[in-house]
Amino acid sequence: MLRRKRILGHALAMKNSIVGLKELRENINTYIAEVRKGKSFIIIRKSKPIFKIVPSELEDQWETVADFTRINKHGVSATTILKELRKLNA
């Protein structure tokens, strides 16, 4: 049987903690911060594991191909993105 370890109402005690789906939904920002620090979580629903959240090991491998925030901080249309990508490939 799976058991949750709790610290101050949150399942953050272990490197690979077990967290209920409702707990995750209600405190998603807390868990995002913990995953960024390297912690992993197994998410359960009705006492059964349904998925696992793990830190991305690829974060340092991403390369900025085109910085669209210089065009518009609030978003860029797909048409604009395609135009910029075509310029890069020309």
N, C-alpha and C. Protein backbone atom coordinates (compact mmCIF):
# COMPACT_ATOMS: atom_id res chain seq x y z
N MET A 1 0.84 -1.19 0.00
CA MET A 1 0.00 0.00 0.00
C MET A 1 0.89 1.25 0.00
N LEU A 2 0.51 2.23 -0.79
CA LEU A 2 1.27 3.47 -0.87
C LEU A 2 0.86 4.41 0.25
N ARG A 3 1.85 5.08 0.83
CA ARG A 3 1.56 6.05 1.89
C ARG A 3 2.22 7.37 1.55
N ARG A 4 1.53 8.44 1.91
CA ARG A 4 2.08 9.77 1.68
C ARG A 4 2.85 10.23 2.90
N LYS A 5 4.00 10.85 2.68
CA LYS A 5 4.72 11.51 3.76
C LYS A 5 4.35 12.98 3.68
N ARG A 6 3.95 13.56 4.79
CA ARG A 6 3.50 14.95 4.77
C ARG A 6 4.37 15.84 5.64
N ILE A 7 4.66 17.02 5.14
CA ILE A 7 5.34 18.07 5.90
C ILE A 7 4.46 19.30 5.77
N LEU A 8 3.95 19.79 6.87
CA LEU A 8 3.10 20.98 6.86
C LEU A 8 2.00 20.88 5.81
N GLY A 9 1.37 19.71 5.70
CA GLY A 9 0.25 19.55 4.79
C GLY A 9 0.62 19.25 3.34
N HIS A 10 1.90 19.18 3.03
CA HIS A 10 2.33 18.90 1.66
C HIS A 10 3.18 17.64 1.63
N ALA A 11 3.06 16.90 0.57
CA ALA A 11 3.84 15.67 0.42
C ALA A 11 5.19 15.98 -0.20
N LEU A 12 6.08 16.55 0.58
CA LEU A 12 7.38 16.97 0.06
C LEU A 12 8.54 16.33 0.82
N ALA A 13 8.28 15.27 1.55
CA ALA A 13 9.28 14.72 2.45
C ALA A 13 10.41 13.96 1.76
N MET A 14 10.10 13.25 0.70
CA MET A 14 11.10 12.39 0.09
C MET A 14 11.50 12.90 -1.29
N LYS A 15 12.60 12.38 -1.79
CA LYS A 15 13.04 12.71 -3.16
C LYS A 15 11.98 12.30 -4.17
N ASN A 16 11.31 11.19 -3.93
CA ASN A 16 10.29 10.67 -4.83
C ASN A 16 8.99 10.50 -4.04
N SER A 17 8.36 11.59 -3.68
CA SER A 17 7.19 11.58 -2.82
C SER A 17 5.93 11.14 -3.56
N ILE A 18 5.00 10.62 -2.80
CA ILE A 18 3.70 10.22 -3.33
C ILE A 18 2.71 11.32 -2.99
N VAL A 19 1.97 11.78 -4.01
CA VAL A 19 1.06 12.91 -3.85
C VAL A 19 -0.28 12.54 -4.48
N GLY A 20 -1.34 12.88 -3.78
CA GLY A 20 -2.67 12.69 -4.34
C GLY A 20 -2.95 13.70 -5.44
N LEU A 21 -3.77 13.31 -6.41
CA LEU A 21 -4.08 14.19 -7.53
C LEU A 21 -4.73 15.49 -7.06
N LYS A 22 -5.63 15.41 -6.09
CA LYS A 22 -6.29 16.61 -5.56
C LYS A 22 -5.26 17.54 -4.91
N GLU A 23 -4.36 16.96 -4.14
CA GLU A 23 -3.29 17.74 -3.49
C GLU A 23 -2.45 18.46 -4.54
N LEU A 24 -2.11 17.76 -5.61
CA LEU A 24 -1.32 18.36 -6.69
C LEU A 24 -2.08 19.53 -7.32
N ARG A 25 -3.35 19.33 -7.64
CA ARG A 25 -4.15 20.40 -8.26
C ARG A 25 -4.24 21.62 -7.36
N GLU A 26 -4.44 21.40 -6.08
CA GLU A 26 -4.62 22.51 -5.14
C GLU A 26 -3.33 23.26 -4.85
N ASN A 27 -2.19 22.63 -5.04
CA ASN A 27 -0.90 23.24 -4.70
C ASN A 27 0.11 23.11 -5.83
N ILE A 28 -0.35 23.26 -7.06
CA ILE A 28 0.50 23.01 -8.23
C ILE A 28 1.76 23.87 -8.23
N ASN A 29 1.66 25.13 -7.83
CA ASN A 29 2.85 26.00 -7.85
C ASN A 29 3.92 25.53 -6.88
N THR A 30 3.51 25.01 -5.74
CA THR A 30 4.45 24.47 -4.77
C THR A 30 5.21 23.28 -5.36
N TYR A 31 4.48 22.40 -6.04
CA TYR A 31 5.11 21.22 -6.62
C TYR A 31 6.00 21.57 -7.81
N ILE A 32 5.61 22.55 -8.59
CA ILE A 32 6.47 23.01 -9.69
C ILE A 32 7.80 23.50 -9.13
N ALA A 33 7.74 24.28 -8.06
CA ALA A 33 8.97 24.78 -7.44
C ALA A 33 9.84 23.64 -6.94
N GLU A 34 9.24 22.62 -6.34
CA GLU A 34 9.99 21.48 -5.83
C GLU A 34 10.62 20.66 -6.96
N VAL A 35 9.89 20.50 -8.05
CA VAL A 35 10.44 19.76 -9.20
C VAL A 35 11.63 20.52 -9.78
N ARG A 36 11.54 21.84 -9.83
CA ARG A 36 12.67 22.64 -10.31
C ARG A 36 13.90 22.47 -9.44
N LYS A 37 13.69 22.14 -8.17
CA LYS A 37 14.81 21.90 -7.24
C LYS A 37 15.36 20.48 -7.37
N GLY A 38 14.71 19.65 -8.21
CA GLY A 38 15.21 18.30 -8.43
C GLY A 38 14.38 17.18 -7.82
N LYS A 39 13.28 17.49 -7.18
CA LYS A 39 12.45 16.45 -6.56
C LYS A 39 11.51 15.83 -7.58
N SER A 40 11.13 14.58 -7.34
CA SER A 40 10.19 13.85 -8.19
C SER A 40 8.97 13.48 -7.38
N PHE A 41 7.84 13.32 -8.05
CA PHE A 41 6.60 12.96 -7.38
C PHE A 41 5.85 11.91 -8.17
N ILE A 42 5.31 10.92 -7.44
CA ILE A 42 4.40 9.95 -8.03
C ILE A 42 3.00 10.43 -7.66
N ILE A 43 2.16 10.61 -8.67
CA ILE A 43 0.81 11.11 -8.45
C ILE A 43 -0.14 9.93 -8.41
N ILE A 44 -0.97 9.88 -7.36
CA ILE A 44 -1.92 8.78 -7.21
C ILE A 44 -3.36 9.29 -7.26
N ARG A 45 -4.24 8.40 -7.67
CA ARG A 45 -5.68 8.66 -7.66
C ARG A 45 -6.35 7.38 -7.22
N LYS A 46 -7.17 7.48 -6.21
CA LYS A 46 -7.83 6.30 -5.63
C LYS A 46 -6.80 5.24 -5.23
N SER A 47 -5.72 5.70 -4.61
CA SER A 47 -4.64 4.85 -4.10
C SER A 47 -3.84 4.11 -5.17
N LYS A 48 -3.97 4.51 -6.44
CA LYS A 48 -3.22 3.87 -7.51
C LYS A 48 -2.35 4.91 -8.22
N PRO A 49 -1.10 4.59 -8.47
CA PRO A 49 -0.23 5.52 -9.20
C PRO A 49 -0.75 5.73 -10.62
N ILE A 50 -0.81 7.01 -11.06
CA ILE A 50 -1.29 7.28 -12.42
C ILE A 50 -0.22 7.95 -13.29
N PHE A 51 0.67 8.72 -12.68
CA PHE A 51 1.79 9.27 -13.44
C PHE A 51 2.86 9.78 -12.49
N LYS A 52 4.00 10.12 -13.07
CA LYS A 52 5.14 10.59 -12.29
C LYS A 52 5.60 11.93 -12.86
N ILE A 53 5.93 12.86 -11.97
CA ILE A 53 6.48 14.15 -12.37
C ILE A 53 7.96 14.14 -12.00
N VAL A 54 8.80 14.40 -12.99
CA VAL A 54 10.25 14.40 -12.76
C VAL A 54 10.85 15.66 -13.36
N PRO A 55 11.99 16.11 -12.84
CA PRO A 55 12.65 17.28 -13.41
C PRO A 55 13.11 17.00 -14.84
N SER A 56 13.06 18.01 -15.66
CA SER A 56 13.53 17.87 -17.04
C SER A 56 15.04 17.92 -17.05
N GLU A 57 15.65 16.89 -17.58
CA GLU A 57 17.11 16.85 -17.68
C GLU A 57 17.58 17.51 -18.97
N LEU A 58 16.64 17.88 -19.83
CA LEU A 58 16.99 18.47 -21.11
C LEU A 58 17.05 19.99 -21.07
N GLU A 59 16.76 20.58 -19.92
CA GLU A 59 16.66 22.03 -19.82
C GLU A 59 17.91 22.74 -20.33
N ASP A 60 19.08 22.24 -20.00
CA ASP A 60 20.32 22.88 -20.43
C ASP A 60 20.64 22.63 -21.90
N GLN A 61 19.91 21.72 -22.53
CA GLN A 61 20.20 21.37 -23.91
C GLN A 61 19.39 22.18 -24.92
N TRP A 62 18.46 23.01 -24.45
CA TRP A 62 17.64 23.83 -25.35
C TRP A 62 18.46 24.97 -25.92
N GLU A 63 18.24 25.27 -27.17
CA GLU A 63 18.92 26.37 -27.84
C GLU A 63 17.86 27.33 -28.38
N THR A 64 18.06 28.62 -28.19
CA THR A 64 17.14 29.61 -28.73
C THR A 64 17.41 29.77 -30.22
N VAL A 65 16.42 29.39 -31.02
CA VAL A 65 16.55 29.49 -32.46
C VAL A 65 16.09 30.86 -32.93
N ALA A 66 14.97 31.32 -32.38
CA ALA A 66 14.44 32.65 -32.70
C ALA A 66 13.79 33.20 -31.45
N ASP A 67 14.13 34.42 -31.09
CA ASP A 67 13.57 35.05 -29.89
C ASP A 67 12.39 35.93 -30.29
N PHE A 68 11.18 35.37 -30.16
CA PHE A 68 9.98 36.09 -30.57
C PHE A 68 9.52 37.11 -29.54
N THR A 69 10.11 37.10 -28.35
CA THR A 69 9.73 38.10 -27.35
C THR A 69 10.17 39.49 -27.77
N ARG A 70 11.13 39.58 -28.67
CA ARG A 70 11.54 40.90 -29.18
C ARG A 70 10.47 41.48 -30.09
N ILE A 71 9.68 40.62 -30.73
CA ILE A 71 8.61 41.09 -31.61
C ILE A 71 7.41 41.54 -30.80
N ASN A 72 6.99 40.70 -29.86
CA ASN A 72 5.81 41.01 -29.05
C ASN A 72 5.86 40.16 -27.79
N LYS A 73 5.89 40.79 -26.63
CA LYS A 73 5.98 40.06 -25.35
C LYS A 73 4.72 39.25 -25.06
N HIS A 74 3.58 39.62 -25.64
CA HIS A 74 2.31 38.98 -25.32
C HIS A 74 1.92 37.84 -26.25
N GLY A 75 2.72 37.59 -27.24
CA GLY A 75 2.42 36.50 -28.15
C GLY A 75 2.66 36.88 -29.59
N VAL A 76 2.84 35.87 -30.41
CA VAL A 76 3.14 36.08 -31.82
C VAL A 76 2.28 35.11 -32.62
N SER A 77 1.75 35.57 -33.74
CA SER A 77 0.90 34.71 -34.57
C SER A 77 1.74 33.64 -35.26
N ALA A 78 1.08 32.57 -35.66
CA ALA A 78 1.77 31.49 -36.36
C ALA A 78 2.36 31.99 -37.68
N THR A 79 1.67 32.91 -38.34
CA THR A 79 2.16 33.47 -39.60
C THR A 79 3.49 34.18 -39.39
N THR A 80 3.59 34.97 -38.33
CA THR A 80 4.83 35.67 -38.01
C THR A 80 5.95 34.69 -37.70
N ILE A 81 5.63 33.65 -36.96
CA ILE A 81 6.63 32.63 -36.62
C ILE A 81 7.17 31.98 -37.88
N LEU A 82 6.27 31.60 -38.79
CA LEU A 82 6.71 30.96 -40.04
C LEU A 82 7.59 31.88 -40.87
N LYS A 83 7.23 33.17 -40.94
CA LYS A 83 8.05 34.13 -41.68
C LYS A 83 9.46 34.21 -41.09
N GLU A 84 9.55 34.29 -39.77
CA GLU A 84 10.85 34.39 -39.11
C GLU A 84 11.68 33.12 -39.30
N LEU A 85 11.03 31.97 -39.22
CA LEU A 85 11.74 30.71 -39.41
C LEU A 85 12.24 30.57 -40.85
N ARG A 86 11.46 31.04 -41.80
CA ARG A 86 11.89 31.00 -43.21
C ARG A 86 13.12 31.88 -43.42
N LYS A 87 13.18 33.02 -42.72
CA LYS A 87 14.34 33.90 -42.82
C LYS A 87 15.60 33.18 -42.32
N LEU A 88 15.44 32.41 -41.24
CA LEU A 88 16.58 31.69 -40.67
C LEU A 88 17.09 30.59 -41.61
N ASN A 89 16.16 29.96 -42.31
CA ASN A 89 16.52 28.84 -43.19
C ASN A 89 16.95 29.28 -44.58
N ALA A 90 16.82 30.56 -44.89
CA ALA A 90 17.14 31.06 -46.24
C ALA A 90 18.63 31.14 -46.46
